[in-house]
C-alpha cells in the first residue's frame, strides 16, 4: 500500500458542486459524464496510476472510484474529494476473485483498516520473495486485518507480485546494475506513473537503490 498524497479536486468537480440550489442538491449518484471522468482521472493521476490498495496498474476500463469511508455512513459526505480514491477492478468476470475496494464494500473500522491516506501505511506491510504480503510487525493487528479484508494475499496478487520481484533476483546483475534498476523502478516515470507493486520492491530491494 503506497501513500497517496491528496491534491486539489478538479475544477470541473468544484464547479459542478457549486451548481447546488434550492431545487437541486448534488449527490454522488448524480455524478456522471465528463465531470465524473475528471474526478476519476485526477484520482488516478495523484496515485501514479496504481491501485490505492494492491498497487496493480490502473486502467480506465478496470478501475472504479472508491470511498475510503463508506457512503453508507451518514456522517460521511459522499462528495468529499478527500475521501475518494481509485481502486482496481470495475466489472468482475465470472470466477474472478474479488479484492481491494470490490471486496471491502462498506466495511470500515478506523482501528483496523490501514489508510493509504496515512503516510505511515508504506511501513506497515512486509513482503516475501514469493509475493506473500504480511504485517511488517507481527503484532500489528490492523495490518493483518487489512490484508484479510482487502484480499491482498489472494494467489492472483501473490503471483503478480512475484512476477514483479523476479527480474530483481537475476544473479547476472552486478551491484551497480541492481542499484540502477531499483532506483529506476522506484522513480515516477515522465508519464506520471509509478511502477506496479512499488512498496513490494521498495521493501525487498530498497537498500540497493542509488543514493
Protein backbone atom coordinates (compact mmCIF):
# COMPACT_ATOMS: atom_id res chain seq x y z
CA UNK A 1 0.00 0.00 0.00
CA UNK A 2 1.56 3.23 -1.19
CA UNK A 3 0.88 6.56 0.47
CA UNK A 4 -1.49 8.74 -1.54
CA UNK A 5 -0.90 12.46 -1.13
CA UNK A 6 -4.16 14.19 -1.95
CA UNK A 7 -4.20 17.20 -4.26
CA UNK A 8 -6.86 19.77 -5.05
CA UNK A 9 -10.04 18.41 -6.55
CA UNK A 10 -10.52 19.06 -10.28
CA UNK A 11 -12.04 22.42 -11.17
CA UNK A 12 -14.86 20.79 -13.12
CA UNK A 13 -15.91 18.94 -9.95
CA UNK A 14 -15.82 22.11 -7.87
CA UNK A 15 -17.95 23.94 -10.43
CA UNK A 16 -20.44 21.07 -10.63
CA UNK A 17 -20.97 21.01 -6.87
CA UNK A 18 -21.33 24.80 -6.89
CA UNK A 19 -24.47 24.42 -9.03
CA UNK A 20 -26.37 23.43 -5.89
CA UNK A 21 -29.51 25.48 -5.33
CA UNK A 22 -32.85 25.36 -3.54
CA UNK A 23 -34.23 22.91 -6.07
CA UNK A 24 -31.20 20.68 -6.52
CA UNK A 25 -28.50 19.35 -4.24
CA UNK A 26 -25.76 17.25 -5.89
CA UNK A 27 -25.45 13.62 -4.84
CA UNK A 28 -22.88 11.00 -5.75
CA UNK A 29 -25.47 9.24 -7.88
CA UNK A 30 -25.77 12.42 -9.93
CA UNK A 31 -22.06 12.44 -10.70
CA UNK A 32 -21.61 11.32 -14.30
CA UNK A 33 -20.16 12.09 -17.71
CA UNK A 34 -17.20 14.39 -18.12
CA UNK A 35 -17.35 15.58 -14.51
CA UNK A 36 -17.07 12.06 -13.11
CA UNK A 37 -14.34 11.29 -15.64
CA UNK A 38 -12.39 14.33 -14.42
CA UNK A 39 -12.62 13.10 -10.83
CA UNK A 40 -11.50 9.58 -11.70
CA UNK A 41 -8.70 10.91 -13.87
CA UNK A 42 -7.47 13.16 -11.07
CA UNK A 43 -7.52 10.27 -8.60
CA UNK A 44 -5.58 8.01 -10.94
CA UNK A 45 -3.04 10.75 -11.54
CA UNK A 46 -2.40 11.51 -7.88
CA UNK A 47 -1.89 7.76 -7.24
CA UNK A 48 0.58 7.42 -10.10
CA UNK A 49 -1.87 5.10 -11.87
CA UNK A 50 -1.59 2.26 -9.36
CA UNK A 51 -4.39 0.86 -7.20
CA UNK A 52 -4.78 2.55 -3.83
CA UNK A 53 -4.69 -0.84 -2.09
CA UNK A 54 -2.81 -3.54 -4.03
CA UNK A 55 -0.75 -1.28 -6.35
CA UNK A 56 -1.75 -3.04 -9.57
CA UNK A 57 -1.74 -0.86 -12.68
CA UNK A 58 -4.94 1.16 -13.01
CA UNK A 59 -6.64 1.35 -16.38
CA UNK A 60 -9.78 3.22 -17.34
CA UNK A 61 -11.65 0.00 -18.04
CA UNK A 62 -10.61 -1.87 -14.90
CA UNK A 63 -10.89 0.65 -12.07
CA UNK A 64 -13.51 2.46 -10.03
CA UNK A 65 -13.85 5.40 -7.69
CA UNK A 66 -13.55 4.18 -4.12
CA UNK A 67 -14.96 5.79 -0.97
CA UNK A 68 -12.46 5.01 1.78
CA UNK A 69 -15.07 5.72 4.42
CA UNK A 70 -18.26 4.14 3.04
CA UNK A 71 -21.10 6.23 1.67
CA UNK A 72 -23.47 4.22 3.86
CA UNK A 73 -22.08 6.06 6.91
CA UNK A 74 -24.44 9.01 7.49
CA UNK A 75 -21.51 11.01 8.85
CA UNK A 76 -19.71 10.75 5.51
CA UNK A 77 -20.16 13.29 2.73
CA UNK A 78 -20.18 11.09 -0.41
CA UNK A 79 -18.85 14.04 -2.43
CA UNK A 80 -15.87 14.77 -0.17
CA UNK A 81 -12.93 14.56 -2.55
CA UNK A 82 -10.60 13.94 0.40
CA UNK A 83 -12.33 10.59 0.98
CA UNK A 84 -12.09 9.43 -2.63
CA UNK A 85 -9.52 7.02 -4.04
CA UNK A 86 -9.21 4.87 -7.15
CA UNK A 87 -9.24 1.09 -6.77
CA UNK A 88 -8.67 -1.61 -9.36
CA UNK A 89 -11.45 -3.93 -10.53
CA UNK A 90 -14.53 -2.45 -12.15
CA UNK A 91 -16.60 -5.27 -13.56
CA UNK A 92 -15.79 -8.69 -12.16
CA UNK A 93 -15.67 -11.50 -14.68
CA UNK A 94 -17.24 -14.82 -13.68
CA UNK A 95 -14.83 -16.75 -11.49
CA UNK A 96 -12.50 -13.80 -10.97
CA UNK A 97 -11.55 -13.31 -7.30
CA UNK A 98 -12.65 -10.05 -5.74
CA UNK A 99 -10.15 -7.90 -3.88
CA UNK A 100 -9.36 -4.31 -2.89
CA UNK A 101 -12.34 -1.92 -2.98
CA UNK A 102 -14.58 -4.56 -4.55
CA UNK A 103 -14.31 -6.93 -1.62
CA UNK A 104 -14.04 -4.23 1.05
CA UNK A 105 -17.52 -2.93 0.26
CA UNK A 106 -19.00 -0.99 3.17
CA UNK A 107 -16.71 -2.48 5.81
CA UNK A 108 -14.82 0.15 7.75
CA UNK A 109 -13.13 0.15 11.13
CA UNK A 110 -10.80 3.09 11.82
CA UNK A 111 -8.80 0.94 14.22
CA UNK A 112 -8.32 -1.99 11.86
CA UNK A 113 -8.30 -0.60 8.31
CA UNK A 114 -5.00 0.99 7.34
CA UNK A 115 -5.47 4.01 5.13
CA UNK A 116 -3.43 4.82 2.01
CA UNK A 117 -4.02 8.43 3.04
CA UNK A 118 -1.80 7.87 6.09
CA UNK A 119 1.90 8.40 5.30
CA UNK A 120 2.86 5.55 7.65
CA UNK A 121 0.96 2.97 5.58
CA UNK A 122 4.03 2.15 3.48
CA UNK A 123 5.85 0.87 6.56
CA UNK A 124 3.05 -1.32 7.90
CA UNK A 125 3.45 -4.20 5.43
CA UNK A 126 6.29 -6.56 4.56
CA UNK A 127 6.78 -8.95 1.66
CA UNK A 128 8.37 -12.30 0.86
CA UNK A 129 10.18 -13.24 -2.34
CA UNK A 130 7.20 -15.32 -3.49
CA UNK A 131 4.90 -12.29 -3.36
CA UNK A 132 3.38 -13.02 0.05
CA UNK A 133 2.31 -9.89 1.94
CA UNK A 134 2.45 -9.79 5.73
CA UNK A 135 2.40 -7.26 8.58
CA UNK A 136 5.83 -5.65 8.90
CA UNK A 137 5.32 -6.04 12.65
CA UNK A 138 3.87 -9.44 13.51
CA UNK A 139 1.91 -7.80 16.35
CA UNK A 140 0.21 -5.28 14.04
CA UNK A 141 -3.39 -6.44 14.18
CA UNK A 142 -4.60 -3.69 11.85
CA UNK A 143 -2.14 -4.69 9.12
CA UNK A 144 -3.25 -8.32 9.41
CA UNK A 145 -6.93 -7.38 9.26
CA UNK A 146 -6.39 -5.02 6.34
CA UNK A 147 -4.66 -7.76 4.35
CA UNK A 148 -7.57 -10.10 5.01
CA UNK A 149 -10.37 -7.62 4.38
CA UNK A 150 -8.85 -6.39 1.10
CA UNK A 151 -7.91 -9.85 -0.14
CA UNK A 152 -4.29 -8.80 -0.57
CA UNK A 153 -2.94 -12.34 -0.23
CA UNK A 154 -5.04 -13.87 -2.97
CA UNK A 155 -2.98 -16.21 -5.19
CA UNK A 156 -3.63 -13.88 -8.13
CA UNK A 157 -1.99 -10.93 -6.39
CA UNK A 158 0.82 -13.01 -4.93
CA UNK A 159 1.67 -14.26 -8.43
CA UNK A 160 1.65 -10.73 -9.84
CA UNK A 161 3.94 -9.50 -7.05
CA UNK A 162 6.24 -12.49 -7.57
CA UNK A 163 6.41 -11.59 -11.24
CA UNK A 164 7.46 -8.05 -10.36
CA UNK A 165 10.11 -9.38 -7.95
CA UNK A 166 11.64 -11.97 -10.28
CA UNK A 167 13.75 -9.64 -12.50
CA UNK A 168 15.49 -8.25 -9.42
CA UNK A 169 16.68 -11.76 -8.46
CA UNK A 170 18.75 -12.15 -11.63
CA UNK A 171 22.18 -13.41 -10.46
CA UNK A 172 23.85 -11.87 -13.51
CA UNK A 173 23.13 -8.33 -12.26
CA UNK A 174 26.11 -6.57 -10.75
CA UNK A 175 25.62 -4.50 -7.62
CA UNK A 176 25.72 -1.28 -9.66
CA UNK A 177 23.26 -2.64 -12.20
CA UNK A 178 20.88 -3.74 -9.46
CA UNK A 179 21.24 -0.34 -7.80
CA UNK A 180 20.30 1.47 -11.01
CA UNK A 181 17.48 -0.99 -11.68
CA UNK A 182 15.92 -0.45 -8.26
CA UNK A 183 16.37 3.31 -8.39
CA UNK A 184 14.74 3.50 -11.80
CA UNK A 185 11.85 1.28 -10.73
CA UNK A 186 11.11 3.41 -7.68
CA UNK A 187 11.23 6.70 -9.60
CA UNK A 188 7.99 8.01 -11.04
CA UNK A 189 8.11 7.96 -14.82
CA UNK A 190 7.94 11.02 -17.04
CA UNK A 191 4.34 10.00 -17.76
CA UNK A 192 3.43 10.39 -14.07
CA UNK A 193 3.19 6.66 -13.44
CA UNK A 194 4.65 4.66 -10.59
CA UNK A 195 5.72 1.09 -11.28
CA UNK A 196 3.35 -1.64 -10.12
CA UNK A 197 3.85 -3.08 -6.63
CA UNK A 198 6.07 -0.16 -5.70
CA UNK A 199 6.17 -0.88 -1.98
CA UNK A 200 6.98 -4.55 -2.59
CA UNK A 201 10.14 -3.63 -4.48
CA UNK A 202 10.97 -0.86 -2.00
CA UNK A 203 10.67 -3.28 0.93
CA UNK A 204 12.74 -6.07 -0.61
CA UNK A 205 15.32 -4.11 -2.60
CA UNK A 206 15.16 -0.50 -1.44
CA UNK A 207 18.53 -0.75 0.29
CA UNK A 208 20.13 -1.26 -3.13
CA UNK A 209 18.74 1.98 -4.54
CA UNK A 210 21.38 4.53 -5.53
CA UNK A 211 21.72 7.32 -3.02
